[in-house]
PDB file of N, CA and C in Angstrom:
ATOM      1  N   MET A   1      15.624-195.238 120.253  1.00  0.00           N
ATOM      2  CA  MET A   1      16.730-195.279 119.358  1.00  0.00           C
ATOM      3  C   MET A   1      16.674-196.406 118.402  1.00  0.00           C
ATOM      4  N   GLY A   2      16.631-196.057 117.156  1.00  0.00           N
ATOM      5  CA  GLY A   2      16.289-197.113 116.076  1.00  0.00           C
ATOM      6  C   GLY A   2      17.637-197.812 115.789  1.00  0.00           C
ATOM      7  N   LEU A   3      17.503-198.712 114.833  1.00  0.00           N
ATOM      8  CA  LEU A   3      18.724-199.466 114.361  1.00  0.00           C
ATOM      9  C   LEU A   3      19.705-198.567 113.656  1.00  0.00           C
ATOM     10  N   VAL A   4      19.046-197.631 112.818  1.00  0.00           N
ATOM     11  CA  VAL A   4      19.789-196.854 111.987  1.00  0.00           C
ATOM     12  C   VAL A   4      20.644-195.848 112.880  1.00  0.00           C
ATOM     13  N   ALA A   5      20.119-195.400 113.921  1.00  0.00           N
ATOM     14  CA  ALA A   5      20.717-194.412 114.931  1.00  0.00           C
ATOM     15  C   ALA A   5      21.866-195.078 115.577  1.00  0.00           C
ATOM     16  N   VAL A   6      21.598-196.398 115.929  1.00  0.00           N
ATOM     17  CA  VAL A   6      22.688-197.165 116.614  1.00  0.00           C
ATOM     18  C   VAL A   6      23.884-197.429 115.699  1.00  0.00           C
ATOM     19  N   ALA A   7      23.562-197.805 114.439  1.00  0.00           N
ATOM     20  CA  ALA A   7      24.539-197.957 113.515  1.00  0.00           C
ATOM     21  C   ALA A   7      25.448-196.808 113.226  1.00  0.00           C
ATOM     22  N   ARG A   8      24.780-195.671 113.126  1.00  0.00           N
ATOM     23  CA  ARG A   8      25.452-194.456 112.952  1.00  0.00           C
ATOM     24  C   ARG A   8      26.367-194.064 114.065  1.00  0.00           C
ATOM     25  N   ALA A   9      25.836-194.240 115.250  1.00  0.00           N
ATOM     26  CA  ALA A   9      26.614-193.950 116.482  1.00  0.00           C
ATOM     27  C   ALA A   9      27.851-194.845 116.520  1.00  0.00           C
ATOM     28  N   LEU A  10      27.701-196.109 116.258  1.00  0.00           N
ATOM     29  CA  LEU A  10      28.932-196.961 116.199  1.00  0.00           C
ATOM     30  C   LEU A  10      29.966-196.618 115.102  1.00  0.00           C
ATOM     31  N   ILE A  11      29.440-196.282 113.931  1.00  0.00           N
ATOM     32  CA  ILE A  11      30.245-195.878 112.814  1.00  0.00           C
ATOM     33  C   ILE A  11      30.995-194.565 113.203  1.00  0.00           C
ATOM     34  N   ARG A  12      30.300-193.697 113.760  1.00  0.00           N
ATOM     35  CA  ARG A  12      30.836-192.340 114.189  1.00  0.00           C
ATOM     36  C   ARG A  12      31.867-192.587 115.299  1.00  0.00           C
ATOM     37  N   ALA A  13      31.675-193.377 116.200  1.00  0.00           N
ATOM     38  CA  ALA A  13      32.835-193.685 117.210  1.00  0.00           C
ATOM     39  C   ALA A  13      34.009-194.250 116.529  1.00  0.00           C
ATOM     40  N   ALA A  14      33.756-195.223 115.646  1.00  0.00           N
ATOM     41  CA  ALA A  14      34.920-195.808 114.925  1.00  0.00           C
ATOM     42  C   ALA A  14      35.630-194.827 114.062  1.00  0.00           C
ATOM     43  N   TYR A  15      34.834-193.853 113.396  1.00  0.00           N
ATOM     44  CA  TYR A  15      35.573-192.872 112.574  1.00  0.00           C
ATOM     45  C   TYR A  15      36.374-191.827 113.495  1.00  0.00           C
ATOM     46  N   ARG A  16      35.860-191.579 114.662  1.00  0.00           N
ATOM     47  CA  ARG A  16      36.617-190.730 115.576  1.00  0.00           C
ATOM     48  C   ARG A  16      37.966-191.389 116.022  1.00  0.00           C
ATOM     49  N   LEU A  17      38.017-192.694 116.199  1.00  0.00           N
ATOM     50  CA  LEU A  17      39.169-193.505 116.567  1.00  0.00           C
ATOM     51  C   LEU A  17      40.115-193.450 115.400  1.00  0.00           C
ATOM     52  N   VAL A  18      39.654-193.637 114.215  1.00  0.00           N
ATOM     53  CA  VAL A  18      40.450-193.614 112.983  1.00  0.00           C
ATOM     54  C   VAL A  18      40.942-192.268 112.816  1.00  0.00           C
ATOM     55  N   ARG A  19      40.174-191.313 112.879  1.00  0.00           N
ATOM     56  CA  ARG A  19      40.531-189.974 112.606  1.00  0.00           C
ATOM     57  C   ARG A  19      41.726-189.435 113.461  1.00  0.00           C
ATOM     58  N   PHE A  20      41.830-189.830 114.713  1.00  0.00           N
ATOM     59  CA  PHE A  20      42.806-189.377 115.675  1.00  0.00           C
ATOM     60  C   PHE A  20      44.301-189.387 115.151  1.00  0.00           C
ATOM     61  N   PRO A  21      44.645-190.660 114.679  1.00  0.00           N
ATOM     62  CA  PRO A  21      46.046-190.602 114.132  1.00  0.00           C
ATOM     63  C   PRO A  21      46.258-189.802 112.947  1.00  0.00           C
ATOM     64  N   PHE A  22      45.311-189.663 112.105  1.00  0.00           N
ATOM     65  CA  PHE A  22      45.542-188.783 110.987  1.00  0.00           C
ATOM     66  C   PHE A  22      45.692-187.369 111.215  1.00  0.00           C
ATOM     67  N   HIS A  23      44.892-186.968 112.159  1.00  0.00           N
ATOM     68  CA  HIS A  23      44.981-185.502 112.671  1.00  0.00           C
ATOM     69  C   HIS A  23      46.323-185.175 113.418  1.00  0.00           C
ATOM     70  N   LEU A  24      46.681-186.359 114.097  1.00  0.00           N
ATOM     71  CA  LEU A  24      47.907-186.288 114.855  1.00  0.00           C
ATOM     72  C   LEU A  24      49.147-186.019 113.947  1.00  0.00           C
ATOM     73  N   VAL A  25      49.071-186.808 112.765  1.00  0.00           N
ATOM     74  CA  VAL A  25      50.077-186.654 111.742  1.00  0.00           C
ATOM     75  C   VAL A  25      50.008-185.370 111.219  1.00  0.00           C
ATOM     76  N   ASP A  26      48.837-184.691 110.951  1.00  0.00           N
ATOM     77  CA  ASP A  26      48.643-183.396 110.361  1.00  0.00           C
ATOM     78  C   ASP A  26      49.179-182.309 111.269  1.00  0.00           C
ATOM     79  N   ASP A  27      48.852-182.466 112.516  1.00  0.00           N
ATOM     80  CA  ASP A  27      49.238-181.449 113.525  1.00  0.00           C
ATOM     81  C   ASP A  27      50.604-181.531 114.032  1.00  0.00           C
ATOM     82  N   VAL A  28      51.246-182.658 114.219  1.00  0.00           N
ATOM     83  CA  VAL A  28      52.554-182.821 114.823  1.00  0.00           C
ATOM     84  C   VAL A  28      53.703-183.212 113.842  1.00  0.00           C
ATOM     85  N   VAL A  29      53.473-184.249 113.024  1.00  0.00           N
ATOM     86  CA  VAL A  29      54.634-184.845 112.234  1.00  0.00           C
ATOM     87  C   VAL A  29      54.770-183.907 110.925  1.00  0.00           C
ATOM     88  N   LEU A  30      53.819-183.623 110.168  1.00  0.00           N
ATOM     89  CA  LEU A  30      53.982-182.993 108.862  1.00  0.00           C
ATOM     90  C   LEU A  30      54.614-181.596 109.085  1.00  0.00           C
ATOM     91  N   PRO A  31      54.220-180.638 110.046  1.00  0.00           N
ATOM     92  CA  PRO A  31      54.786-179.461 110.245  1.00  0.00           C
ATOM     93  C   PRO A  31      56.304-179.444 110.473  1.00  0.00           C
ATOM     94  N   VAL A  32      56.869-180.614 111.081  1.00  0.00           N
ATOM     95  CA  VAL A  32      58.216-180.712 111.360  1.00  0.00           C
ATOM     96  C   VAL A  32      59.000-181.076 110.053  1.00  0.00           C
ATOM     97  N   ILE A  33      58.367-181.913 109.168  1.00  0.00           N
ATOM     98  CA  ILE A  33      59.118-182.210 107.934  1.00  0.00           C
ATOM     99  C   ILE A  33      58.958-181.371 106.769  1.00  0.00           C
ATOM    100  N   PHE A  34      57.652-180.847 106.599  1.00  0.00           N
ATOM    101  CA  PHE A  34      57.379-179.896 105.476  1.00  0.00           C
ATOM    102  C   PHE A  34      56.857-178.674 105.961  1.00  0.00           C
ATOM    103  N   ASP A  35      57.109-177.561 105.075  1.00  0.00           N
ATOM    104  CA  ASP A  35      56.613-176.278 105.345  1.00  0.00           C
ATOM    105  C   ASP A  35      55.127-176.144 104.981  1.00  0.00           C
ATOM    106  N   GLU A  36      54.443-175.018 105.181  1.00  0.00           N
ATOM    107  CA  GLU A  36      53.102-174.821 104.959  1.00  0.00           C
ATOM    108  C   GLU A  36      52.729-174.998 103.470  1.00  0.00           C
ATOM    109  N   GLN A  37      53.616-174.577 102.633  1.00  0.00           N
ATOM    110  CA  GLN A  37      53.351-174.522 101.240  1.00  0.00           C
ATOM    111  C   GLN A  37      53.673-175.849 100.461  1.00  0.00           C
ATOM    112  N   ALA A  38      54.255-176.742 101.232  1.00  0.00           N
ATOM    113  CA  ALA A  38      54.466-178.062 100.554  1.00  0.00           C
ATOM    114  C   ALA A  38      53.298-178.746  99.897  1.00  0.00           C
ATOM    115  N   PRO A  39      53.398-179.326  98.694  1.00  0.00           N
ATOM    116  CA  PRO A  39      52.289-179.952  98.095  1.00  0.00           C
ATOM    117  C   PRO A  39      51.856-181.177  98.918  1.00  0.00           C
ATOM    118  N   VAL A  40      52.781-181.701  99.726  1.00  0.00           N
ATOM    119  CA  VAL A  40      52.238-182.953 100.495  1.00  0.00           C
ATOM    120  C   VAL A  40      51.320-182.512 101.579  1.00  0.00           C
ATOM    121  N   ARG A  41      51.569-181.464 102.168  1.00  0.00           N
ATOM    122  CA  ARG A  41      50.816-181.017 103.349  1.00  0.00           C
ATOM    123  C   ARG A  41      49.499-180.560 102.804  1.00  0.00           C
ATOM    124  N   ARG A  42      49.522-179.822 101.602  1.00  0.00           N
ATOM    125  CA  ARG A  42      48.214-179.365 101.063  1.00  0.00           C
ATOM    126  C   ARG A  42      47.322-180.449 100.556  1.00  0.00           C
ATOM    127  N   ALA A  43      47.906-181.533  99.962  1.00  0.00           N
ATOM    128  CA  ALA A  43      47.108-182.740  99.530  1.00  0.00           C
ATOM    129  C   ALA A  43      46.554-183.521 100.850  1.00  0.00           C
ATOM    130  N   TYR A  44      47.499-183.602 101.877  1.00  0.00           N
ATOM    131  CA  TYR A  44      46.984-184.317 102.986  1.00  0.00           C
ATOM    132  C   TYR A  44      45.947-183.649 103.763  1.00  0.00           C
ATOM    133  N   GLY A  45      45.989-182.259 103.693  1.00  0.00           N
ATOM    134  CA  GLY A  45      44.904-181.500 104.252  1.00  0.00           C
ATOM    135  C   GLY A  45      43.614-181.559 103.567  1.00  0.00           C
ATOM    136  N   LYS A  46      43.713-181.652 102.168  1.00  0.00           N
ATOM    137  CA  LYS A  46      42.592-181.795 101.367  1.00  0.00           C
ATOM    138  C   LYS A  46      41.932-183.274 101.559  1.00  0.00           C
ATOM    139  N   PHE A  47      42.822-184.104 101.817  1.00  0.00           N
ATOM    140  CA  PHE A  47      42.267-185.543 102.155  1.00  0.00           C
ATOM    141  C   PHE A  47      41.502-185.488 103.426  1.00  0.00           C
ATOM    142  N   LEU A  48      42.054-184.860 104.570  1.00  0.00           N
ATOM    143  CA  LEU A  48      41.354-184.900 105.653  1.00  0.00           C
ATOM    144  C   LEU A  48      40.064-184.037 105.661  1.00  0.00           C
ATOM    145  N   LEU A  49      40.094-182.904 104.852  1.00  0.00           N
ATOM    146  CA  LEU A  49      39.015-182.124 104.599  1.00  0.00           C
ATOM    147  C   LEU A  49      37.803-182.880 103.994  1.00  0.00           C
ATOM    148  N   ASP A  50      38.178-183.735 102.996  1.00  0.00           N
ATOM    149  CA  ASP A  50      37.199-184.528 102.282  1.00  0.00           C
ATOM    150  C   ASP A  50      36.673-185.626 103.286  1.00  0.00           C
ATOM    151  N   CYS A  51      37.495-186.299 103.981  1.00  0.00           N
ATOM    152  CA  CYS A  51      37.071-187.356 104.998  1.00  0.00           C
ATOM    153  C   CYS A  51      36.164-186.711 106.022  1.00  0.00           C
ATOM    154  N   ASP A  52      36.448-185.652 106.597  1.00  0.00           N
ATOM    155  CA  ASP A  52      35.705-185.032 107.609  1.00  0.00           C
ATOM    156  C   ASP A  52      34.382-184.450 107.100  1.00  0.00           C
ATOM    157  N   GLY A  53      34.473-184.012 105.949  1.00  0.00           N
ATOM    158  CA  GLY A  53      33.222-183.503 105.252  1.00  0.00           C
ATOM    159  C   GLY A  53      32.283-184.580 104.970  1.00  0.00           C
ATOM    160  N   ALA A  54      32.772-185.700 104.536  1.00  0.00           N
ATOM    161  CA  ALA A  54      31.948-186.855 104.208  1.00  0.00           C
ATOM    162  C   ALA A  54      31.347-187.461 105.508  1.00  0.00           C
ATOM    163  N   ALA A  55      32.196-187.475 106.636  1.00  0.00           N
ATOM    164  CA  ALA A  55      31.772-188.048 107.877  1.00  0.00           C
ATOM    165  C   ALA A  55      30.650-187.086 108.453  1.00  0.00           C
ATOM    166  N   ALA A  56      30.829-185.768 108.270  1.00  0.00           N
ATOM    167  CA  ALA A  56      29.875-184.893 108.854  1.00  0.00           C
ATOM    168  C   ALA A  56      28.557-185.051 108.075  1.00  0.00           C
ATOM    169  N   TYR A  57      28.568-185.311 106.873  1.00  0.00           N
ATOM    170  CA  TYR A  57      27.384-185.354 106.061  1.00  0.00           C
ATOM    171  C   TYR A  57      26.738-186.683 106.191  1.00  0.00           C
ATOM    172  N   LEU A  58      27.379-187.729 106.050  1.00  0.00           N
ATOM    173  CA  LEU A  58      26.867-189.144 106.126  1.00  0.00           C
ATOM    174  C   LEU A  58      26.542-189.574 107.533  1.00  0.00           C
ATOM    175  N   LEU A  59      27.312-189.188 108.561  1.00  0.00           N
ATOM    176  CA  LEU A  59      27.142-189.736 109.882  1.00  0.00           C
ATOM    177  C   LEU A  59      26.530-188.656 110.817  1.00  0.00           C
ATOM    178  N   ALA A  60      26.247-187.543 110.284  1.00  0.00           N
ATOM    179  CA  ALA A  60      25.747-186.357 111.120  1.00  0.00           C
ATOM    180  C   ALA A  60      26.640-186.246 112.358  1.00  0.00           C
ATOM    181  N   ASP A  61      27.980-186.173 112.054  1.00  0.00           N
ATOM    182  CA  ASP A  61      28.932-185.989 113.154  1.00  0.00           C
ATOM    183  C   ASP A  61      29.325-184.551 113.216  1.00  0.00           C
ATOM    184  N   ASP A  62      28.950-183.952 114.297  1.00  0.00           N
ATOM    185  CA  ASP A  62      29.174-182.524 114.618  1.00  0.00           C
ATOM    186  C   ASP A  62      30.704-182.181 114.694  1.00  0.00           C
ATOM    187  N   THR A  63      31.375-183.084 115.463  1.00  0.00           N
ATOM    188  CA  THR A  63      32.849-182.997 115.522  1.00  0.00           C
ATOM    189  C   THR A  63      33.521-182.939 114.232  1.00  0.00           C
ATOM    190  N   ALA A  64      33.133-183.888 113.315  1.00  0.00           N
ATOM    191  CA  ALA A  64      33.706-183.896 112.025  1.00  0.00           C
ATOM    192  C   ALA A  64      33.374-182.659 111.224  1.00  0.00           C
ATOM    193  N   ALA A  65      32.281-182.152 111.479  1.00  0.00           N
ATOM    194  CA  ALA A  65      31.816-180.869 110.736  1.00  0.00           C
ATOM    195  C   ALA A  65      32.559-179.675 111.292  1.00  0.00           C
ATOM    196  N   VAL A  66      33.040-179.684 112.595  1.00  0.00           N
ATOM    197  CA  VAL A  66      33.896-178.597 113.107  1.00  0.00           C
ATOM    198  C   VAL A  66      35.227-178.715 112.552  1.00  0.00           C
ATOM    199  N   HIS A  67      35.882-179.939 112.455  1.00  0.00           N
ATOM    200  CA  HIS A  67      37.179-180.120 111.921  1.00  0.00           C
ATOM    201  C   HIS A  67      37.231-179.837 110.465  1.00  0.00           C
ATOM    202  N   ALA A  68      36.163-180.189 109.722  1.00  0.00           N
ATOM    203  CA  ALA A  68      36.123-179.813 108.384  1.00  0.00           C
ATOM    204  C   ALA A  68      36.051-178.379 108.143  1.00  0.00           C
ATOM    205  N   ALA A  69      35.237-177.617 108.925  1.00  0.00           N
ATOM    206  CA  ALA A  69      35.262-176.119 108.930  1.00  0.00           C
ATOM    207  C   ALA A  69      36.582-175.421 109.247  1.00  0.00           C
ATOM    208  N   PHE A  70      37.201-176.055 110.147  1.00  0.00           N
ATOM    209  CA  PHE A  70      38.627-175.529 110.551  1.00  0.00           C
ATOM    210  C   PHE A  70      39.660-175.785 109.344  1.00  0.00           C
ATOM    211  N   LEU A  71      39.587-176.955 108.739  1.00  0.00           N
ATOM    212  CA  LEU A  71      40.486-177.259 107.695  1.00  0.00           C
ATOM    213  C   LEU A  71      40.122-176.475 106.424  1.00  0.00           C
ATOM    214  N   ARG A  72      38.867-176.264 106.209  1.00  0.00           N
ATOM    215  CA  ARG A  72      38.463-175.435 105.141  1.00  0.00           C
ATOM    216  C   ARG A  72      38.876-173.841 105.310  1.00  0.00           C
ATOM    217  N   GLY A  73      38.824-173.459 106.501  1.00  0.00           N
ATOM    218  CA  GLY A  73      39.367-172.069 106.753  1.00  0.00           C
ATOM    219  C   GLY A  73      40.812-171.934 106.601  1.00  0.00           C
ATOM    220  N   ARG A  74      41.575-172.996 106.963  1.00  0.00           N
ATOM    221  CA  ARG A  74      42.979-172.994 106.931  1.00  0.00           C
ATOM    222  C   ARG A  74      43.451-172.937 105.382  1.00  0.00           C
ATOM    223  N   SER A  75      42.681-173.785 104.660  1.00  0.00           N
ATOM    224  CA  SER A  75      42.926-174.041 103.257  1.00  0.00           C
ATOM    225  C   SER A  75      42.598-172.711 102.549  1.00  0.00           C
ATOM    226  N   ALA A  76      41.530-172.071 102.923  1.00  0.00           N
ATOM    227  CA  ALA A  76      41.100-170.772 102.219  1.00  0.00           C
ATOM    228  C   ALA A  76      42.122-169.584 102.572  1.00  0.00           C
ATOM    229  N   ALA A  77      42.666-169.625 103.727  1.00  0.00           N
ATOM    230  CA  ALA A  77      43.621-168.649 104.254  1.00  0.00           C
ATOM    231  C   ALA A  77      44.913-168.871 103.406  1.00  0.00           C
ATOM    232  N   PHE A  78      45.273-170.049 103.082  1.00  0.00           N
ATOM    233  CA  PHE A  78      46.517-170.246 102.475  1.00  0.00           C
ATOM    234  C   PHE A  78      46.335-169.892 100.947  1.00  0.00           C
ATOM    235  N   HIS A  79      45.212-170.247 100.352  1.00  0.00           N
ATOM    236  CA  HIS A  79      44.821-170.005  98.986  1.00  0.00           C
ATOM    237  C   HIS A  79      44.741-168.348  98.810  1.00  0.00           C
ATOM    238  N   ASP A  80      44.277-167.744  99.833  1.00  0.00           N
ATOM    239  CA  ASP A  80      44.124-166.312  99.752  1.00  0.00           C
ATOM    240  C   ASP A  80      45.499-165.758  99.747  1.00  0.00           C
ATOM    241  N   ALA A  81      46.440-166.159 100.555  1.00  0.00           N
ATOM    242  CA  ALA A  81      47.766-165.635 100.596  1.00  0.00           C
ATOM    243  C   ALA A  81      48.486-165.948  99.267  1.00  0.00           C
ATOM    244  N   ILE A  82      48.212-167.044  98.608  1.00  0.00           N
ATOM    245  CA  ILE A  82      48.858-167.266  97.233  1.00  0.00           C
ATOM    246  C   ILE A  82      48.313-166.261  96.326  1.00  0.00           C
ATOM    247  N   THR A  83      46.982-166.005  96.348  1.00  0.00           N
ATOM    248  CA  THR A  83      46.502-165.042  95.267  1.00  0.00           C
ATOM    249  C   THR A  83      46.881-163.646  95.539  1.00  0.00           C
ATOM    250  N   ARG A  84      47.168-163.254  96.798  1.00  0.00           N
ATOM    251  CA  ARG A  84      47.561-161.860  97.099  1.00  0.00           C
ATOM    252  C   ARG A  84      49.055-161.750  96.806  1.00  0.00           C
ATOM    253  N   HIS A  85      49.803-162.710  97.002  1.00  0.00           N
ATOM    254  CA  HIS A  85      51.288-162.694  96.783  1.00  0.00           C
ATOM    255  C   HIS A  85      51.760-163.896  96.122  1.00  0.00           C
ATOM    256  N   PRO A  86      51.548-163.954  94.779  1.00  0.00           N
ATOM    257  CA  PRO A  86      51.867-165.196  94.061  1.00  0.00           C
ATOM    258  C   PRO A  86      53.434-165.428  94.020  1.00  0.00           C
ATOM    259  N   GLY A  87      54.121-164.351  93.948  1.00  0.00           N
ATOM    260  CA  GLY A  87      55.551-164.539  93.990  1.00  0.00           C
ATOM    261  C   GLY A  87      56.188-165.056  95.398  1.00  0.00           C
ATOM    262  N   SER A  88      55.322-164.797  96.473  1.00  0.00           N
ATOM    263  CA  SER A  88      55.973-165.163  97.781  1.00  0.00           C
ATOM    264  C   SER A  88      56.357-166.633  97.886  1.00  0.00           C
ATOM    265  N   LEU A  89      55.752-167.523  97.166  1.00  0.00           N
ATOM    266  CA  LEU A  89      56.111-168.932  97.341  1.00  0.00           C
ATOM    267  C   LEU A  89      57.470-169.189  96.779  1.00  0.00           C
ATOM    268  N   HIS A  90      57.762-168.423  95.701  1.00  0.00           N
ATOM    269  CA  HIS A  90      59.025-168.765  95.077  1.00  0.00           C
ATOM    270  C   HIS A  90      60.179-167.590  95.325  1.00  0.00           C
ATOM    271  N   ALA A  91      59.950-166.840  96.268  1.00  0.00           N
ATOM    272  CA  ALA A  91      60.790-165.805  96.516  1.00  0.00           C
ATOM    273  C   ALA A  91      62.238-166.384  96.966  1.00  0.00           C
ATOM    274  N   GLU A  92      62.193-167.287  97.853  1.00  0.00           N
ATOM    275  CA  GLU A  92      63.369-167.910  98.372  1.00  0.00           C
ATOM    276  C   GLU A  92      64.140-168.599  97.228  1.00  0.00           C
ATOM    277  N   SER A  93      63.554-169.331  96.410  1.00  0.00           N
ATOM    278  CA  SER A  93      64.269-170.038  95.301  1.00  0.00           C
ATOM    279  C   SER A  93      64.716-168.995  94.278  1.00  0.00           C
ATOM    280  N   GLU A  94      64.122-167.779  94.063  1.00  0.00           N
ATOM    281  CA  GLU A  94      64.538-166.732  93.264  1.00  0.00           C
ATOM    282  C   GLU A  94      65.910-166.132  93.750  1.00  0.00           C
ATOM    283  N   VAL A  95      65.969-166.033  95.130  1.00  0.00           N
ATOM    284  CA  VAL A  95      67.229-165.484  95.668  1.00  0.00           C
ATOM    285  C   VAL A  95      68.313-166.517  95.440  1.00  0.00           C
ATOM    286  N   VAL A  96      68.055-167.701  95.668  1.00  0.00           N
ATOM    287  CA  VAL A  96      69.090-168.617  95.419  1.00  0.00           C
ATOM    288  C   VAL A  96      69.493-168.749  93.888  1.00  0.00           C
ATOM    289  N   MET A  97      68.592-168.703  92.973  1.00  0.00           N
ATOM    290  CA  MET A  97      68.922-168.670  91.676  1.00  0.00           C
ATOM    291  C   MET A  97      69.807-167.396  91.286  1.00  0.00           C
ATOM    292  N   MET A  98      69.398-166.254  91.801  1.00  0.00           N
ATOM    293  CA  MET A  98      70.170-164.998  91.686  1.00  0.00           C
ATOM    294  C   MET A  98      71.647-165.242  91.981  1.00  0.00           C
ATOM    295  N   HIS A  99      71.806-165.832  93.205  1.00  0.00           N
ATOM    296  CA  HIS A  99      73.137-166.019  93.708  1.00  0.00           C
ATOM    297  C   HIS A  99      73.850-166.952  92.815  1.00  0.00           C
ATOM    298  N   HIS A 100      73.232-168.075  92.341  1.00  0.00           N
ATOM    299  CA  HIS A 100      73.968-168.995  91.423  1.00  0.00           C
ATOM    300  C   HIS A 100      74.294-168.280  90.144  1.00  0.00           C
ATOM    301  N   ARG A 101      73.411-167.492  89.608  1.00  0.00           N
ATOM    302  CA  ARG A 101      73.714-166.778  88.225  1.00  0.00           C
ATOM    303  C   ARG A 101      74.804-165.720  88.466  1.00  0.00           C
ATOM    304  N   ALA A 102      74.893-165.128  89.684  1.00  0.00           N
ATOM    305  CA  ALA A 102      76.168-164.195  89.871  1.00  0.00           C
ATOM    306  C   ALA A 102      77.346-165.076  90.086  1.00  0.00           C
ATOM    307  N   ARG A 103      77.413-166.215  90.664  1.00  0.00           N
ATOM    308  CA  ARG A 103      78.645-166.978  90.753  1.00  0.00           C
ATOM    309  C   ARG A 103      78.955-167.464  89.359  1.00  0.00           C
ATOM    310  N   PHE A 104      78.040-167.878  88.484  1.00  0.00           N
ATOM    311  CA  PHE A 104      78.283-168.322  87.238  1.00  0.00           C
ATOM    312  C   PHE A 104      78.990-167.189  86.306  1.00  0.00           C
ATOM    313  N   ARG A 105      78.336-165.906  86.460  1.00  0.00           N
ATOM    314  CA  ARG A 105      78.993-164.930  85.837  1.00  0.00           C
ATOM    315  C   ARG A 105      80.434-164.573  86.182  1.00  0.00           C
ATOM    316  N   GLU A 106      80.606-164.590  87.526  1.00  0.00           N
ATOM    317  CA  GLU A 106      82.032-164.298  88.000  1.00  0.00           C
ATOM    318  C   GLU A 106      83.019-165.417  87.553  1.00  0.00           C
ATOM    319  N   ARG A 107      82.630-166.659  87.530  1.00  0.00           N
ATOM    320  CA  ARG A 107      83.573-167.634  87.051  1.00  0.00           C
ATOM    321  C   ARG A 107      83.760-167.623  85.565  1.00  0.00           C
ATOM    322  N   ARG A 108      82.594-167.291  84.825  1.00  0.00           N
ATOM    323  CA  ARG A 108      82.795-167.130  83.381  1.00  0.00           C
ATOM    324  C   ARG A 108      83.669-166.022  83.009  1.00  0.00           C
ATOM    325  N   SER A 109      83.459-164.866  83.606  1.00  0.00           N
ATOM    326  CA  SER A 109      84.308-163.692  83.394  1.00  0.00           C
ATOM    327  C   SER A 109      85.838-163.912  83.671  1.00  0.00           C
ATOM    328  N   ALA A 110      86.045-164.772  84.751  1.00  0.00           N
ATOM    329  CA  ALA A 110      87.443-165.095  85.053  1.00  0.00           C
ATOM    330  C   ALA A 110      88.061-166.016  84.014  1.00  0.00           C
ATOM    331  N   THR A 111      87.366-166.887  83.481  1.00  0.00           N
ATOM    332  CA  THR A 111      87.910-167.817  82.527  1.00  0.00           C
ATOM    333  C   THR A 111      87.796-167.382  81.103  1.00  0.00           C
ATOM    334  N   HIS A 112      86.818-166.550  80.838  1.00  0.00           N
ATOM    335  CA  HIS A 112      86.581-166.037  79.412  1.00  0.00           C
ATOM    336  C   HIS A 112      86.644-164.607  79.462  1.00  0.00           C
ATOM    337  N   PRO A 113      87.674-163.869  79.000  1.00  0.00           N
ATOM    338  CA  PRO A 113      87.767-162.443  79.004  1.00  0.00           C
ATOM    339  C   PRO A 113      86.712-161.839  78.081  1.00  0.00           C
ATOM    340  N   PRO A 114      86.167-160.648  78.392  1.00  0.00           N
ATOM    341  CA  PRO A 114      85.218-159.916  77.624  1.00  0.00           C
ATOM    342  C   PRO A 114      85.680-159.818  76.063  1.00  0.00           C
ATOM    343  N   GLY A 115      84.841-160.065  75.200  1.00  0.00           N
ATOM    344  CA  GLY A 115      85.171-160.050  73.712  1.00  0.00           C
ATOM    345  C   GLY A 115      85.527-161.273  73.175  1.00  0.00           C
ATOM    346  N   HIS A 116      85.802-162.296  74.046  1.00  0.00           N
ATOM    347  CA  HIS A 116      86.125-163.678  73.633  1.00  0.00           C
ATOM    348  C   HIS A 116      84.852-164.548  73.534  1.00  0.00           C
ATOM    349  N   SER A 117      84.487-164.897  72.446  1.00  0.00           N
ATOM    350  CA  SER A 117      83.291-165.591  72.281  1.00  0.00           C
ATOM    351  C   SER A 117      83.444-167.050  72.535  1.00  0.00           C
ATOM    352  N   THR A 118      82.533-167.717  73.201  1.00  0.00           N
ATOM    353  CA  THR A 118      82.671-169.151  73.493  1.00  0.00           C
ATOM    354  C   THR A 118      81.744-169.852  72.544  1.00  0.00           C
ATOM    355  N   THR A 119      80.959-169.166  71.700  1.00  0.00           N
ATOM    356  CA  THR A 119      80.124-169.900  70.863  1.00  0.00           C
ATOM    357  C   THR A 119      80.651-170.108  69.416  1.00  0.00           C
ATOM    358  N   ARG A 120      81.676-169.324  69.001  1.00  0.00           N
ATOM    359  CA  ARG A 120      82.269-169.619  67.715  1.00  0.00           C
ATOM    360  C   ARG A 120      83.484-170.444  67.989  1.00  0.00           C
ATOM    361  N   PRO A 121      83.910-171.265  66.914  1.00  0.00           N
ATOM    362  CA  PRO A 121      85.034-172.091  67.066  1.00  0.00           C
ATOM    363  C   PRO A 121      86.321-171.170  66.825  1.00  0.00           C
ATOM    364  N   PRO A 122      87.443-171.536  67.494  1.00  0.00           N
ATOM    365  CA  PRO A 122      88.612-170.681  67.227  1.00  0.00           C
ATOM    366  C   PRO A 122      89.188-170.754  65.804  1.00  0.00           C
ATOM    367  N   ARG A 123      89.778-169.708  65.257  1.00  0.00           N
ATOM    368  CA  ARG A 123      90.304-169.707  63.863  1.00  0.00           C
ATOM    369  C   ARG A 123      91.664-170.075  63.861  1.00  0.00           C
TER     370      ARG A 123
END
């Protein structure tokens, strides 16, 4: 075992120790706080994917390669769902907006009878 192999093995072990809390946050903490579509979770997943991909390539780390492949698959599944149903991300906000518009129209019709324009000044 040469000097380069020993250095890689030490750096690989250090990366695995550092990677553990990051993946713990991704698996346990972020799903409680944010939903799957939240930009924070997607950015964090991209960060982990880049880190694991770099470690797999530079350190010849098989575990990091498996983690990177898993994160790549999860990201691809999410992007596929967005492409198939682009409106599904905003469906809930659309329902809320429709509700607010209906309430606005009800209040406006109660305070301003039909035929009474609010845009012209009174004569």
